[in-house]
Amino acid sequence: MSKPVNDNNRILKSITHARDLGIIQLRVDSDSYDGRTVRVQDKDLIHFGNCSYLGLDTCESLKLGAIDAIVRYGNFFASSRQYIGLGLNEELEALLDQITGHHCLISQTTSSGSLSAIPVITTPNDLIVLDHQVHTLVVENN
C-alpha cells in the first residue's frame, strides 16, 4: 500500500509561480468597471472571469434601484428571514414568480442560496453529476 503524498509544497509552488507569471491574483487598476474590460498592469483587457452571467452588475436601472434601497434600508439587511424579512425580498420574489411562472426564492448571496436549496431539492438517492467547472459550494454541499 502506497503512502499518501503531501502535495502542499508543490501546490504552493505552482500558485506562487502562476502569480509570478502574472496570470493569477491580479488587481484591477481602474476606479470604474463597465462589465467587459478591466485595466490591469496598465493594460486594458477583456474580462473573461466575470461571474455576473447576466450582466446585471452594470445595469443602470438596477444600480439606481440598489442606491435607493441602500439609502432606505442600509447596505445589507443582515437578518435571517426565519425571524424577520424585508418587504423588498418578497416584492422581488413575486415579480420573479410572474416572469418565470414558477415560485422563486431569493437569497442574500449565491452561497447561502446554494446551501439552502441543494439539500431541499435533492435526496440521498439522487445521482448528481458535476463537471470540473461547477462552483465549489455545490461540491461541498453534496
Protein backbone atom coordinates (compact mmCIF):
# COMPACT_ATOMS: atom_id res chain seq x y z
CA MET A 1 0.00 0.00 0.00
CA SER A 2 1.43 3.37 -1.00
CA LYS A 3 1.83 6.17 1.46
CA PRO A 4 -0.22 9.35 0.82
CA VAL A 5 1.91 12.18 -0.52
CA ASN A 6 1.61 15.64 0.98
CA ASP A 7 1.43 17.91 -2.08
CA ASN A 8 1.10 21.18 -0.17
CA ASN A 9 4.58 22.39 -1.15
CA ARG A 10 4.04 21.53 -4.81
CA ILE A 11 0.66 23.29 -4.82
CA LEU A 12 2.13 26.37 -3.12
CA LYS A 13 4.99 26.46 -5.63
CA SER A 14 2.52 26.22 -8.53
CA ILE A 15 0.40 29.06 -7.16
CA THR A 16 3.46 31.20 -6.49
CA HIS A 17 4.80 30.50 -9.99
CA ALA A 18 1.45 31.41 -11.61
CA ARG A 19 1.32 34.61 -9.55
CA ASP A 20 4.90 35.47 -10.54
CA LEU A 21 3.98 34.93 -14.20
CA GLY A 22 1.17 37.46 -13.73
CA ILE A 23 -1.72 35.11 -14.56
CA ILE A 24 -3.44 34.90 -11.15
CA GLN A 25 -4.06 37.15 -8.15
CA LEU A 26 -4.25 40.23 -10.38
CA ARG A 27 -5.69 43.57 -9.27
CA VAL A 28 -7.83 45.98 -11.28
CA ASP A 29 -6.08 49.36 -11.61
CA SER A 30 -9.06 51.47 -12.71
CA ASP A 31 -11.61 53.16 -10.47
CA SER A 32 -14.61 52.04 -12.55
CA TYR A 33 -15.87 48.94 -14.34
CA ASP A 34 -18.03 48.64 -17.45
CA GLY A 35 -18.67 44.89 -17.16
CA ARG A 36 -16.43 44.00 -20.09
CA THR A 37 -12.92 45.33 -19.70
CA VAL A 38 -10.51 45.79 -16.82
CA ARG A 39 -7.29 47.71 -16.56
CA VAL A 40 -4.53 45.51 -15.15
CA GLN A 41 -0.86 46.48 -15.03
CA ASP A 42 -1.55 49.46 -17.32
CA LYS A 43 -3.25 47.28 -19.98
CA ASP A 44 -6.93 47.26 -20.93
CA LEU A 45 -8.04 43.62 -21.02
CA ILE A 46 -11.29 41.82 -21.78
CA HIS A 47 -12.54 40.30 -18.52
CA PHE A 48 -13.47 36.64 -19.09
CA GLY A 49 -13.60 35.78 -15.37
CA ASN A 50 -16.71 37.78 -14.52
CA CYS A 51 -19.33 35.79 -12.60
CA SER A 52 -22.13 38.23 -13.45
CA TYR A 53 -23.59 35.85 -16.01
CA LEU A 54 -26.50 38.11 -16.97
CA GLY A 55 -24.54 41.35 -16.81
CA LEU A 56 -26.82 42.72 -14.13
CA ASP A 57 -23.93 44.27 -12.22
CA THR A 58 -23.75 47.09 -14.77
CA CYS A 59 -27.49 47.52 -15.50
CA GLU A 60 -28.18 51.21 -14.91
CA SER A 61 -31.74 50.79 -13.58
CA LEU A 62 -30.61 48.10 -11.13
CA LYS A 63 -27.74 50.28 -9.91
CA LEU A 64 -30.14 53.18 -9.30
CA GLY A 65 -32.62 50.87 -7.58
CA ALA A 66 -29.84 49.50 -5.38
CA ILE A 67 -28.79 53.02 -4.42
CA ASP A 68 -32.40 53.82 -3.45
CA ALA A 69 -32.69 50.62 -1.39
CA ILE A 70 -29.36 51.30 0.36
CA VAL A 71 -30.47 54.81 1.27
CA ARG A 72 -33.73 53.44 2.72
CA TYR A 73 -32.55 50.18 4.35
CA GLY A 74 -28.76 50.30 4.65
CA ASN A 75 -26.24 48.36 2.61
CA PHE A 76 -27.20 44.92 3.93
CA PHE A 77 -30.29 43.77 5.81
CA ALA A 78 -28.42 41.23 7.91
CA SER A 79 -31.13 39.12 9.46
CA SER A 80 -32.40 35.60 8.97
CA ARG A 81 -35.67 35.60 7.06
CA GLN A 82 -36.88 32.97 9.51
CA TYR A 83 -37.12 35.74 12.10
CA ILE A 84 -37.79 38.91 10.13
CA GLY A 85 -37.90 39.63 6.42
CA LEU A 86 -37.56 42.67 4.25
CA GLY A 87 -40.53 43.59 2.07
CA LEU A 88 -38.23 44.19 -0.90
CA ASN A 89 -37.35 40.49 -0.94
CA GLU A 90 -41.00 39.46 -1.10
CA GLU A 91 -41.70 42.04 -3.81
CA LEU A 92 -38.80 40.77 -5.93
CA GLU A 93 -39.89 37.14 -5.46
CA ALA A 94 -43.44 37.99 -6.55
CA LEU A 95 -42.15 39.72 -9.68
CA LEU A 96 -39.85 36.80 -10.48
CA ASP A 97 -42.77 34.40 -9.95
CA GLN A 98 -44.75 36.37 -12.57
CA ILE A 99 -41.85 36.43 -15.02
CA THR A 100 -40.95 32.74 -14.73
CA GLY A 101 -44.30 31.20 -13.88
CA HIS A 102 -42.62 29.36 -11.00
CA HIS A 103 -42.13 30.11 -7.34
CA CYS A 104 -38.83 31.91 -6.82
CA LEU A 105 -36.85 32.38 -3.66
CA ILE A 106 -34.06 34.90 -3.44
CA SER A 107 -31.16 34.88 -1.04
CA GLN A 108 -28.62 37.45 0.06
CA THR A 109 -25.76 35.57 -1.64
CA THR A 110 -25.28 32.76 -4.13
CA SER A 111 -23.56 30.78 -1.40
CA SER A 112 -26.44 30.99 1.06
CA GLY A 113 -28.92 30.21 -1.72
CA SER A 114 -26.99 27.10 -2.77
CA LEU A 115 -26.52 25.93 0.79
CA SER A 116 -30.26 26.31 1.37
CA ALA A 117 -31.60 24.92 -1.90
CA ILE A 118 -29.48 21.90 -2.74
CA PRO A 119 -30.43 19.82 0.32
CA VAL A 120 -34.11 20.62 -0.28
CA ILE A 121 -34.24 19.70 -3.97
CA THR A 122 -32.12 16.54 -3.77
CA THR A 123 -32.37 13.24 -1.91
CA PRO A 124 -29.67 10.80 -0.80
CA ASN A 125 -30.73 8.52 -3.70
CA ASP A 126 -30.15 11.18 -6.37
CA LEU A 127 -27.19 10.93 -8.68
CA ILE A 128 -25.61 14.34 -9.11
CA VAL A 129 -23.17 14.63 -11.98
CA LEU A 130 -20.80 17.59 -11.74
CA ASP A 131 -18.22 18.82 -14.20
CA HIS A 132 -14.88 20.34 -13.30
CA GLN A 133 -16.23 23.89 -13.58
CA VAL A 134 -19.06 23.60 -11.08
CA HIS A 135 -18.95 26.07 -8.19
CA THR A 136 -17.09 24.76 -5.14
CA LEU A 137 -20.16 25.26 -2.97
CA VAL A 138 -22.11 22.70 -5.00
CA VAL A 139 -19.36 20.14 -4.46
CA GLU A 140 -19.07 20.86 -0.74
CA ASN A 141 -22.82 20.63 -0.30
CA ASN A 142 -23.04 17.06 -1.62
